[in-house]
Amino acid sequence: MSIKQEWQRKWREALGEPTDSMPDIREDYALHFDIWNVGDDKLQECFSIFPNGDRLLKRVNEVRKTHPQSTEIDDEKLLNKLDQLNKDIETVLRDFGDGGLIELNGEKSTAKKRSVYRGGESLRREVLKNADSPTVHLDDDLCEIIEKHCGEEGYEAFFFLSEPLYQLSGCYYSVSHWIAWAMVEKEYDADPYQAAFDLYKIKAQAGWSNDEQFIYIVS
């Protein structure tokens, strides 16, 4: 039995699901959705099995109690948050030392236009449909960053948790990755997903296209 299957069995036991015949982890929807309905003690047990599980659980609980609310905030403060996000991403990629991704991430500097968009869901879809998150290249390296500091167990934990955390976050990778970063948060001076999580809490997102970096915020 692989370590991911051992974790799967542990979680299914916490959920009261059968463990004698378990589905493929990728299709184990009880793990993806229902794990957040168990009590605090069981959830703590479920996360204690992962590298730095206490830190992961702390961020999980912060997301669980967060209810994003739109707020009055001026463009300058939003763009400052975008700058902080980019600065932290650059710091981590430089410290990790992936030259290829450092170069790709640097292409953001060629996007001279900086904008703030305010509106509803239709505008959100429009401005984000051809854009990436500023974290896109860091996302590509995240599992390897975790593996560097937490070994194979951390690498496997990242993939085991990816779908449950994605569902918990409301399908925002920047938030699920903010949780996963807890496994290595003590290894770096910057938290490259913190600014994205801060934006999430005020119903805002950062985006990047070839010629523009921007913040979209619900209004």
C-alpha atoms as a PDB file:
ATOM      1  CA  MET A   1       0.000   0.000   0.000  1.00  0.00           C
ATOM      2  CA  SER A   2       1.402   3.385  -1.019  1.00  0.00           C
ATOM      3  CA  ILE A   3       1.657   6.260   1.425  1.00  0.00           C
ATOM      4  CA  LYS A   4      -1.180   8.054  -0.359  1.00  0.00           C
ATOM      5  CA  GLN A   5      -3.373   4.981   0.062  1.00  0.00           C
ATOM      6  CA  GLU A   6      -2.484   4.884   3.752  1.00  0.00           C
ATOM      7  CA  TRP A   7      -3.571   8.512   4.058  1.00  0.00           C
ATOM      8  CA  GLN A   8      -6.715   7.726   2.095  1.00  0.00           C
ATOM      9  CA  ARG A   9      -7.586   4.934   4.496  1.00  0.00           C
ATOM     10  CA  LYS A  10      -6.974   7.232   7.478  1.00  0.00           C
ATOM     11  CA  TRP A  11      -9.279   9.894   6.070  1.00  0.00           C
ATOM     12  CA  ARG A  12     -11.962   7.379   5.125  1.00  0.00           C
ATOM     13  CA  GLU A  13     -11.886   5.976   8.648  1.00  0.00           C
ATOM     14  CA  ALA A  14     -12.413   9.499  10.000  1.00  0.00           C
ATOM     15  CA  LEU A  15     -15.372   9.874   7.648  1.00  0.00           C
ATOM     16  CA  GLY A  16     -16.860   6.496   8.519  1.00  0.00           C
ATOM     17  CA  GLU A  17     -16.404   5.316   4.939  1.00  0.00           C
ATOM     18  CA  PRO A  18     -15.508   1.692   4.099  1.00  0.00           C
ATOM     19  CA  THR A  19     -11.802   0.961   3.702  1.00  0.00           C
ATOM     20  CA  ASP A  20     -11.815  -2.640   2.503  1.00  0.00           C
ATOM     21  CA  SER A  21     -12.349  -1.517  -1.091  1.00  0.00           C
ATOM     22  CA  MET A  22     -11.344   2.063  -1.802  1.00  0.00           C
ATOM     23  CA  PRO A  23     -11.850   4.017  -5.046  1.00  0.00           C
ATOM     24  CA  ASP A  24      -9.042   5.641  -6.953  1.00  0.00           C
ATOM     25  CA  ILE A  25      -7.972   8.660  -4.901  1.00  0.00           C
ATOM     26  CA  ARG A  26      -8.686  10.930  -7.850  1.00  0.00           C
ATOM     27  CA  GLU A  27     -12.320   9.787  -7.725  1.00  0.00           C
ATOM     28  CA  ASP A  28     -12.737   9.566  -3.958  1.00  0.00           C
ATOM     29  CA  TYR A  29     -15.246  12.370  -3.639  1.00  0.00           C
ATOM     30  CA  ALA A  30     -15.752  11.783   0.073  1.00  0.00           C
ATOM     31  CA  LEU A  31     -12.145  12.923   0.542  1.00  0.00           C
ATOM     32  CA  HIS A  32     -12.585  15.869  -1.789  1.00  0.00           C
ATOM     33  CA  PHE A  33     -15.762  17.284  -0.293  1.00  0.00           C
ATOM     34  CA  ASP A  34     -16.846  15.621   2.961  1.00  0.00           C
ATOM     35  CA  ILE A  35     -13.634  15.791   4.970  1.00  0.00           C
ATOM     36  CA  TRP A  36     -14.465  19.368   5.967  1.00  0.00           C
ATOM     37  CA  ASN A  37     -17.567  18.158   7.788  1.00  0.00           C
ATOM     38  CA  VAL A  38     -15.751  16.054  10.391  1.00  0.00           C
ATOM     39  CA  GLY A  39     -15.197  17.403  13.885  1.00  0.00           C
ATOM     40  CA  ASP A  40     -12.160  19.418  14.900  1.00  0.00           C
ATOM     41  CA  ASP A  41     -10.461  16.529  16.708  1.00  0.00           C
ATOM     42  CA  LYS A  42     -10.794  14.186  13.750  1.00  0.00           C
ATOM     43  CA  LEU A  43      -9.619  16.866  11.355  1.00  0.00           C
ATOM     44  CA  GLN A  44      -6.553  17.440  13.511  1.00  0.00           C
ATOM     45  CA  GLU A  45      -5.813  13.705  13.362  1.00  0.00           C
ATOM     46  CA  CYS A  46      -6.240  13.744   9.592  1.00  0.00           C
ATOM     47  CA  PHE A  47      -3.673  16.513   9.165  1.00  0.00           C
ATOM     48  CA  SER A  48      -1.209  15.255  11.758  1.00  0.00           C
ATOM     49  CA  ILE A  49      -0.034  12.636   9.252  1.00  0.00           C
ATOM     50  CA  PHE A  50       1.444  15.224   6.852  1.00  0.00           C
ATOM     51  CA  PRO A  51       4.752  17.109   7.044  1.00  0.00           C
ATOM     52  CA  ASN A  52       4.140  20.209   9.161  1.00  0.00           C
ATOM     53  CA  GLY A  53       0.523  19.169   9.419  1.00  0.00           C
ATOM     54  CA  ASP A  54      -0.121  21.567  12.294  1.00  0.00           C
ATOM     55  CA  ARG A  55       0.796  24.499  10.063  1.00  0.00           C
ATOM     56  CA  LEU A  56      -1.359  23.156   7.260  1.00  0.00           C
ATOM     57  CA  LEU A  57      -4.317  22.801   9.597  1.00  0.00           C
ATOM     58  CA  LYS A  58      -3.876  26.337  10.902  1.00  0.00           C
ATOM     59  CA  ARG A  59      -4.241  27.688   7.374  1.00  0.00           C
ATOM     60  CA  VAL A  60      -7.089  25.298   6.609  1.00  0.00           C
ATOM     61  CA  ASN A  61      -8.988  26.658   9.581  1.00  0.00           C
ATOM     62  CA  GLU A  62      -8.291  30.228   8.553  1.00  0.00           C
ATOM     63  CA  VAL A  63      -9.802  29.557   5.131  1.00  0.00           C
ATOM     64  CA  ARG A  64     -12.771  27.761   6.706  1.00  0.00           C
ATOM     65  CA  LYS A  65     -13.630  30.782   8.830  1.00  0.00           C
ATOM     66  CA  THR A  66     -12.998  33.323   6.060  1.00  0.00           C
ATOM     67  CA  HIS A  67     -16.050  34.735   4.323  1.00  0.00           C
ATOM     68  CA  PRO A  68     -14.837  36.994   1.506  1.00  0.00           C
ATOM     69  CA  GLN A  69     -16.436  40.422   1.615  1.00  0.00           C
ATOM     70  CA  SER A  70     -16.199  43.222  -0.915  1.00  0.00           C
ATOM     71  CA  THR A  71     -14.791  46.378   0.604  1.00  0.00           C
ATOM     72  CA  GLU A  72     -13.997  49.980  -0.212  1.00  0.00           C
ATOM     73  CA  ILE A  73     -10.363  50.163  -1.276  1.00  0.00           C
ATOM     74  CA  ASP A  74      -8.647  52.519  -3.691  1.00  0.00           C
ATOM     75  CA  ASP A  75      -6.746  51.555  -6.825  1.00  0.00           C
ATOM     76  CA  GLU A  76      -3.368  52.465  -5.377  1.00  0.00           C
ATOM     77  CA  LYS A  77      -3.717  50.043  -2.480  1.00  0.00           C
ATOM     78  CA  LEU A  78      -4.844  47.267  -4.806  1.00  0.00           C
ATOM     79  CA  LEU A  79      -1.900  47.822  -7.141  1.00  0.00           C
ATOM     80  CA  ASN A  80       0.436  47.896  -4.146  1.00  0.00           C
ATOM     81  CA  LYS A  81      -0.888  44.453  -3.269  1.00  0.00           C
ATOM     82  CA  LEU A  82      -0.117  43.330  -6.827  1.00  0.00           C
ATOM     83  CA  ASP A  83       3.423  44.664  -6.442  1.00  0.00           C
ATOM     84  CA  GLN A  84       3.833  42.794  -3.162  1.00  0.00           C
ATOM     85  CA  LEU A  85       2.595  39.589  -4.760  1.00  0.00           C
ATOM     86  CA  ASN A  86       5.124  39.886  -7.583  1.00  0.00           C
ATOM     87  CA  LYS A  87       7.950  40.792  -5.221  1.00  0.00           C
ATOM     88  CA  ASP A  88       7.313  37.764  -3.014  1.00  0.00           C
ATOM     89  CA  ILE A  89       7.091  35.423  -6.004  1.00  0.00           C
ATOM     90  CA  GLU A  90      10.398  36.733  -7.348  1.00  0.00           C
ATOM     91  CA  THR A  91      12.049  36.328  -3.946  1.00  0.00           C
ATOM     92  CA  VAL A  92      11.019  32.699  -3.623  1.00  0.00           C
ATOM     93  CA  LEU A  93      11.913  31.729  -7.189  1.00  0.00           C
ATOM     94  CA  ARG A  94      15.313  33.372  -6.795  1.00  0.00           C
ATOM     95  CA  ASP A  95      15.953  31.582  -3.501  1.00  0.00           C
ATOM     96  CA  PHE A  96      14.819  28.260  -4.966  1.00  0.00           C
ATOM     97  CA  GLY A  97      17.095  28.821  -7.944  1.00  0.00           C
ATOM     98  CA  ASP A  98      15.091  27.632 -10.952  1.00  0.00           C
ATOM     99  CA  GLY A  99      16.678  29.763 -13.662  1.00  0.00           C
ATOM    100  CA  GLY A 100      14.167  28.836 -16.340  1.00  0.00           C
ATOM    101  CA  LEU A 101      11.164  29.833 -14.293  1.00  0.00           C
ATOM    102  CA  ILE A 102      12.905  32.965 -13.035  1.00  0.00           C
ATOM    103  CA  GLU A 103      13.278  34.014 -16.674  1.00  0.00           C
ATOM    104  CA  LEU A 104       9.667  33.157 -17.532  1.00  0.00           C
ATOM    105  CA  ASN A 105       8.376  34.959 -14.465  1.00  0.00           C
ATOM    106  CA  GLY A 106      10.431  37.989 -15.457  1.00  0.00           C
ATOM    107  CA  GLU A 107       8.304  38.372 -18.579  1.00  0.00           C
ATOM    108  CA  LYS A 108       5.683  40.016 -16.373  1.00  0.00           C
ATOM    109  CA  SER A 109       7.877  43.113 -16.316  1.00  0.00           C
ATOM    110  CA  THR A 110       7.163  43.632 -20.026  1.00  0.00           C
ATOM    111  CA  ALA A 111       3.462  44.133 -19.272  1.00  0.00           C
ATOM    112  CA  LYS A 112       3.547  47.899 -18.904  1.00  0.00           C
ATOM    113  CA  LYS A 113      -0.192  48.414 -18.446  1.00  0.00           C
ATOM    114  CA  ARG A 114      -1.465  48.215 -14.866  1.00  0.00           C
ATOM    115  CA  SER A 115      -5.197  48.305 -14.296  1.00  0.00           C
ATOM    116  CA  VAL A 116      -7.943  47.831 -11.744  1.00  0.00           C
ATOM    117  CA  TYR A 117     -11.281  46.451 -12.893  1.00  0.00           C
ATOM    118  CA  ARG A 118     -14.398  46.736 -10.774  1.00  0.00           C
ATOM    119  CA  GLY A 119     -17.661  44.967 -11.526  1.00  0.00           C
ATOM    120  CA  GLY A 120     -19.694  41.796 -11.362  1.00  0.00           C
ATOM    121  CA  GLU A 121     -19.328  38.211 -12.530  1.00  0.00           C
ATOM    122  CA  SER A 122     -19.632  38.945 -16.250  1.00  0.00           C
ATOM    123  CA  LEU A 123     -16.725  41.397 -16.081  1.00  0.00           C
ATOM    124  CA  ARG A 124     -14.690  38.940 -14.015  1.00  0.00           C
ATOM    125  CA  ARG A 125     -15.087  36.264 -16.679  1.00  0.00           C
ATOM    126  CA  GLU A 126     -14.217  38.732 -19.419  1.00  0.00           C
ATOM    127  CA  VAL A 127     -11.002  40.086 -17.900  1.00  0.00           C
ATOM    128  CA  LEU A 128      -9.754  36.720 -16.648  1.00  0.00           C
ATOM    129  CA  LYS A 129     -10.605  34.488 -19.607  1.00  0.00           C
ATOM    130  CA  ASN A 130      -7.291  35.119 -21.407  1.00  0.00           C
ATOM    131  CA  ALA A 131      -5.191  35.862 -18.335  1.00  0.00           C
ATOM    132  CA  ASP A 132      -2.996  33.833 -16.015  1.00  0.00           C
ATOM    133  CA  SER A 133      -2.454  34.306 -12.328  1.00  0.00           C
ATOM    134  CA  PRO A 134       0.824  36.108 -11.529  1.00  0.00           C
ATOM    135  CA  THR A 135       1.680  32.951  -9.564  1.00  0.00           C
ATOM    136  CA  VAL A 136       1.529  30.740 -12.669  1.00  0.00           C
ATOM    137  CA  HIS A 137       5.260  29.968 -12.872  1.00  0.00           C
ATOM    138  CA  LEU A 138       5.613  29.542  -9.130  1.00  0.00           C
ATOM    139  CA  ASP A 139       2.692  27.113  -9.286  1.00  0.00           C
ATOM    140  CA  ASP A 140       4.739  25.019 -11.717  1.00  0.00           C
ATOM    141  CA  ASP A 141       7.528  24.694  -9.151  1.00  0.00           C
ATOM    142  CA  LEU A 142       5.482  24.381  -5.974  1.00  0.00           C
ATOM    143  CA  CYS A 143       5.565  20.596  -5.672  1.00  0.00           C
ATOM    144  CA  GLU A 144       9.338  20.599  -6.203  1.00  0.00           C
ATOM    145  CA  ILE A 145       9.862  23.367  -3.652  1.00  0.00           C
ATOM    146  CA  ILE A 146       7.920  21.314  -1.128  1.00  0.00           C
ATOM    147  CA  GLU A 147       9.843  18.161  -2.056  1.00  0.00           C
ATOM    148  CA  LYS A 148      13.164  19.958  -1.538  1.00  0.00           C
ATOM    149  CA  HIS A 149      12.335  20.737   2.079  1.00  0.00           C
ATOM    150  CA  CYS A 150       9.877  17.963   3.024  1.00  0.00           C
ATOM    151  CA  GLY A 151      11.129  15.079   0.917  1.00  0.00           C
ATOM    152  CA  GLU A 152       9.021  12.600  -1.012  1.00  0.00           C
ATOM    153  CA  GLU A 153       6.403  12.610   1.737  1.00  0.00           C
ATOM    154  CA  GLY A 154       5.850  16.330   1.222  1.00  0.00           C
ATOM    155  CA  TYR A 155       5.667  15.848  -2.535  1.00  0.00           C
ATOM    156  CA  GLU A 156       3.024  13.144  -2.147  1.00  0.00           C
ATOM    157  CA  ALA A 157       1.135  15.213   0.434  1.00  0.00           C
ATOM    158  CA  PHE A 158       0.897  18.119  -2.003  1.00  0.00           C
ATOM    159  CA  PHE A 159      -0.828  15.965  -4.600  1.00  0.00           C
ATOM    160  CA  PHE A 160      -2.977  14.098  -2.072  1.00  0.00           C
ATOM    161  CA  LEU A 161      -4.275  17.394  -0.695  1.00  0.00           C
ATOM    162  CA  SER A 162      -4.590  19.253  -3.984  1.00  0.00           C
ATOM    163  CA  GLU A 163      -8.236  18.420  -4.707  1.00  0.00           C
ATOM    164  CA  PRO A 164      -9.595  18.699  -1.135  1.00  0.00           C
ATOM    165  CA  LEU A 165      -7.867  22.068  -0.697  1.00  0.00           C
ATOM    166  CA  TYR A 166      -9.057  23.246  -4.103  1.00  0.00           C
ATOM    167  CA  GLN A 167     -12.650  22.465  -3.162  1.00  0.00           C
ATOM    168  CA  LEU A 168     -12.257  24.075   0.263  1.00  0.00           C
ATOM    169  CA  SER A 169     -10.972  27.264  -1.364  1.00  0.00           C
ATOM    170  CA  GLY A 170     -13.973  27.580  -3.671  1.00  0.00           C
ATOM    171  CA  CYS A 171     -11.841  26.502  -6.635  1.00  0.00           C
ATOM    172  CA  TYR A 172      -9.134  29.151  -6.256  1.00  0.00           C
ATOM    173  CA  TYR A 173      -5.675  27.677  -6.764  1.00  0.00           C
ATOM    174  CA  SER A 174      -4.009  30.717  -5.224  1.00  0.00           C
ATOM    175  CA  VAL A 175      -5.838  29.963  -1.966  1.00  0.00           C
ATOM    176  CA  SER A 176      -5.279  26.199  -1.984  1.00  0.00           C
ATOM    177  CA  HIS A 177      -1.605  26.837  -2.725  1.00  0.00           C
ATOM    178  CA  TRP A 178      -1.473  29.358   0.119  1.00  0.00           C
ATOM    179  CA  ILE A 179      -2.513  26.509   2.414  1.00  0.00           C
ATOM    180  CA  ALA A 180       0.019  24.086   0.906  1.00  0.00           C
ATOM    181  CA  TRP A 181       2.782  26.674   1.344  1.00  0.00           C
ATOM    182  CA  ALA A 182       2.476  26.092   5.090  1.00  0.00           C
ATOM    183  CA  MET A 183       4.648  22.992   4.659  1.00  0.00           C
ATOM    184  CA  VAL A 184       7.628  25.178   3.747  1.00  0.00           C
ATOM    185  CA  GLU A 185       6.738  28.579   5.186  1.00  0.00           C
ATOM    186  CA  LYS A 186       9.636  28.523   7.664  1.00  0.00           C
ATOM    187  CA  GLU A 187      12.168  27.953   4.875  1.00  0.00           C
ATOM    188  CA  TYR A 188      11.656  31.276   3.078  1.00  0.00           C
ATOM    189  CA  ASP A 189      11.586  34.927   4.064  1.00  0.00           C
ATOM    190  CA  ALA A 190       8.593  35.618   1.811  1.00  0.00           C
ATOM    191  CA  ASP A 191       5.172  33.991   1.532  1.00  0.00           C
ATOM    192  CA  PRO A 192       4.460  34.143  -2.207  1.00  0.00           C
ATOM    193  CA  TYR A 193       0.747  33.410  -1.888  1.00  0.00           C
ATOM    194  CA  GLN A 194      -0.095  35.690   1.040  1.00  0.00           C
ATOM    195  CA  ALA A 195      -0.982  38.713  -1.085  1.00  0.00           C
ATOM    196  CA  ALA A 196      -3.220  36.539  -3.269  1.00  0.00           C
ATOM    197  CA  PHE A 197      -4.998  35.272  -0.156  1.00  0.00           C
ATOM    198  CA  ASP A 198      -5.398  38.834   1.096  1.00  0.00           C
ATOM    199  CA  LEU A 199      -7.035  39.737  -2.217  1.00  0.00           C
ATOM    200  CA  TYR A 200      -9.319  36.705  -2.011  1.00  0.00           C
ATOM    201  CA  LYS A 201     -10.612  37.930   1.342  1.00  0.00           C
ATOM    202  CA  ILE A 202     -11.873  41.141  -0.283  1.00  0.00           C
ATOM    203  CA  LYS A 203     -13.255  39.379  -3.375  1.00  0.00           C
ATOM    204  CA  ALA A 204     -10.361  40.407  -5.580  1.00  0.00           C
ATOM    205  CA  GLN A 205      -7.983  38.533  -7.900  1.00  0.00           C
ATOM    206  CA  ALA A 206      -4.760  39.361  -9.679  1.00  0.00           C
ATOM    207  CA  GLY A 207      -4.289  38.631 -13.355  1.00  0.00           C
ATOM    208  CA  TRP A 208      -1.575  38.827 -15.996  1.00  0.00           C
ATOM    209  CA  SER A 209      -1.805  38.856 -19.777  1.00  0.00           C
ATOM    210  CA  ASN A 210       0.858  39.647 -22.353  1.00  0.00           C
ATOM    211  CA  ASP A 211       0.480  43.404 -22.123  1.00  0.00           C
ATOM    212  CA  GLU A 212      -1.187  43.968 -18.776  1.00  0.00           C
ATOM    213  CA  GLN A 213      -1.150  43.166 -15.095  1.00  0.00           C
ATOM    214  CA  PHE A 214      -4.335  43.902 -13.231  1.00  0.00           C
ATOM    215  CA  ILE A 215      -6.544  43.447 -10.217  1.00  0.00           C
ATOM    216  CA  TYR A 216     -10.198  42.554 -10.574  1.00  0.00           C
ATOM    217  CA  ILE A 217     -12.430  43.289  -7.582  1.00  0.00           C
ATOM    218  CA  VAL A 218     -16.133  42.704  -7.054  1.00  0.00           C
ATOM    219  CA  SER A 219     -18.087  45.910  -6.696  1.00  0.00           C
END
